C-alpha atoms as a PDB file:
ATOM      1  CA  UNK A   1     101.980 104.515  96.735  1.00  0.00           C
ATOM      2  CA  UNK A   2      98.748 103.086  98.155  1.00  0.00           C
ATOM      3  CA  UNK A   3      99.593  99.570  97.018  1.00  0.00           C
ATOM      4  CA  UNK A   4     102.976  99.788  98.684  1.00  0.00           C
ATOM      5  CA  UNK A   5     101.357 100.893 101.950  1.00  0.00           C
ATOM      6  CA  UNK A   6      98.838  98.059 101.611  1.00  0.00           C
ATOM      7  CA  UNK A   7     101.731  95.640 101.186  1.00  0.00           C
ATOM      8  CA  UNK A   8     103.363  96.913 104.374  1.00  0.00           C
ATOM      9  CA  UNK A   9     100.058  96.472 106.226  1.00  0.00           C
ATOM     10  CA  UNK A  10      99.680  92.919 104.870  1.00  0.00           C
ATOM     11  CA  UNK A  11     103.241  92.162 105.948  1.00  0.00           C
ATOM     12  CA  UNK A  12     102.425  93.366 109.459  1.00  0.00           C
ATOM     13  CA  UNK A  13      99.351  91.124 109.580  1.00  0.00           C
ATOM     14  CA  UNK A  14     101.478  88.249 108.306  1.00  0.00           C
ATOM     15  CA  UNK A  15     103.987  88.747 111.102  1.00  0.00           C
ATOM     16  CA  UNK A  16     101.227  88.809 113.722  1.00  0.00           C
ATOM     17  CA  UNK A  17      99.654  85.648 112.274  1.00  0.00           C
ATOM     18  CA  UNK A  18     103.040  83.954 112.395  1.00  0.00           C
ATOM     19  CA  UNK A  19     103.629  84.978 116.016  1.00  0.00           C
ATOM     20  CA  UNK A  20     100.203  83.800 117.152  1.00  0.00           C
ATOM     21  CA  UNK A  21     100.489  80.621 115.081  1.00  0.00           C
ATOM     22  CA  UNK A  22     103.798  79.687 116.676  1.00  0.00           C
ATOM     23  CA  UNK A  23     102.678  80.613 120.197  1.00  0.00           C
ATOM     24  CA  UNK A  24      99.433  78.617 119.996  1.00  0.00           C
ATOM     25  CA  UNK A  25     100.823  75.859 117.735  1.00  0.00           C
ATOM     26  CA  UNK A  26      97.990  76.617 115.309  1.00  0.00           C
ATOM     27  CA  UNK A  27      98.806  75.490 111.775  1.00  0.00           C
ATOM     28  CA  UNK A  28      96.087  77.517 110.014  1.00  0.00           C
ATOM     29  CA  UNK A  29      97.624  80.792 111.177  1.00  0.00           C
ATOM     30  CA  UNK A  30     101.053  79.656 110.024  1.00  0.00           C
ATOM     31  CA  UNK A  31      99.709  78.855 106.564  1.00  0.00           C
ATOM     32  CA  UNK A  32      97.837  82.175 106.494  1.00  0.00           C
ATOM     33  CA  UNK A  33     101.031  84.037 107.389  1.00  0.00           C
ATOM     34  CA  UNK A  34     102.934  82.397 104.538  1.00  0.00           C
ATOM     35  CA  UNK A  35     100.167  83.168 102.059  1.00  0.00           C
ATOM     36  CA  UNK A  36      99.957  86.779 103.252  1.00  0.00           C
ATOM     37  CA  UNK A  37     103.733  87.062 102.943  1.00  0.00           C
ATOM     38  CA  UNK A  38     103.680  86.159  99.250  1.00  0.00           C
ATOM     39  CA  UNK A  39     100.637  88.341  98.588  1.00  0.00           C
ATOM     40  CA  UNK A  40     102.307  91.331 100.241  1.00  0.00           C
ATOM     41  CA  UNK A  41     105.491  90.837  98.218  1.00  0.00           C
ATOM     42  CA  UNK A  42     103.423  90.674  95.028  1.00  0.00           C
ATOM     43  CA  UNK A  43     101.393  93.787  95.921  1.00  0.00           C
ATOM     44  CA  UNK A  44     104.550  95.690  96.837  1.00  0.00           C
ATOM     45  CA  UNK A  45     106.178  94.773  93.519  1.00  0.00           C
ATOM     46  CA  UNK A  46     103.098  95.850  91.580  1.00  0.00           C
ATOM     47  CA  UNK A  47     102.906  99.130  93.507  1.00  0.00           C
ATOM     48  CA  UNK A  48     106.597  99.805  93.042  1.00  0.00           C
ATOM     49  CA  UNK A  49     106.507  99.131  89.306  1.00  0.00           C
ATOM     50  CA  UNK A  50     103.417 101.294  88.801  1.00  0.00           C
ATOM     51  CA  UNK A  51     105.054 104.179  90.710  1.00  0.00           C
ATOM     52  CA  UNK A  52     108.160 103.916  88.550  1.00  0.00           C
ATOM     53  CA  UNK A  53     106.061 104.109  85.369  1.00  0.00           C
ATOM     54  CA  UNK A  54     104.381 107.340  86.496  1.00  0.00           C
ATOM     55  CA  UNK A  55     107.689 109.195  86.817  1.00  0.00           C
END
């Protein structure tokens, strides 16, 4: 459950990085948002699969 909540938090940070990167035309934030997006998807999948194994 904690990993899934961490993934949601990382997704929120990714969205904010994307918004600020587009608004300021700052490429580093855009790349950071894409990296955080994939990391959050991976963490969510790991958290979901570990919760399913416990049941």
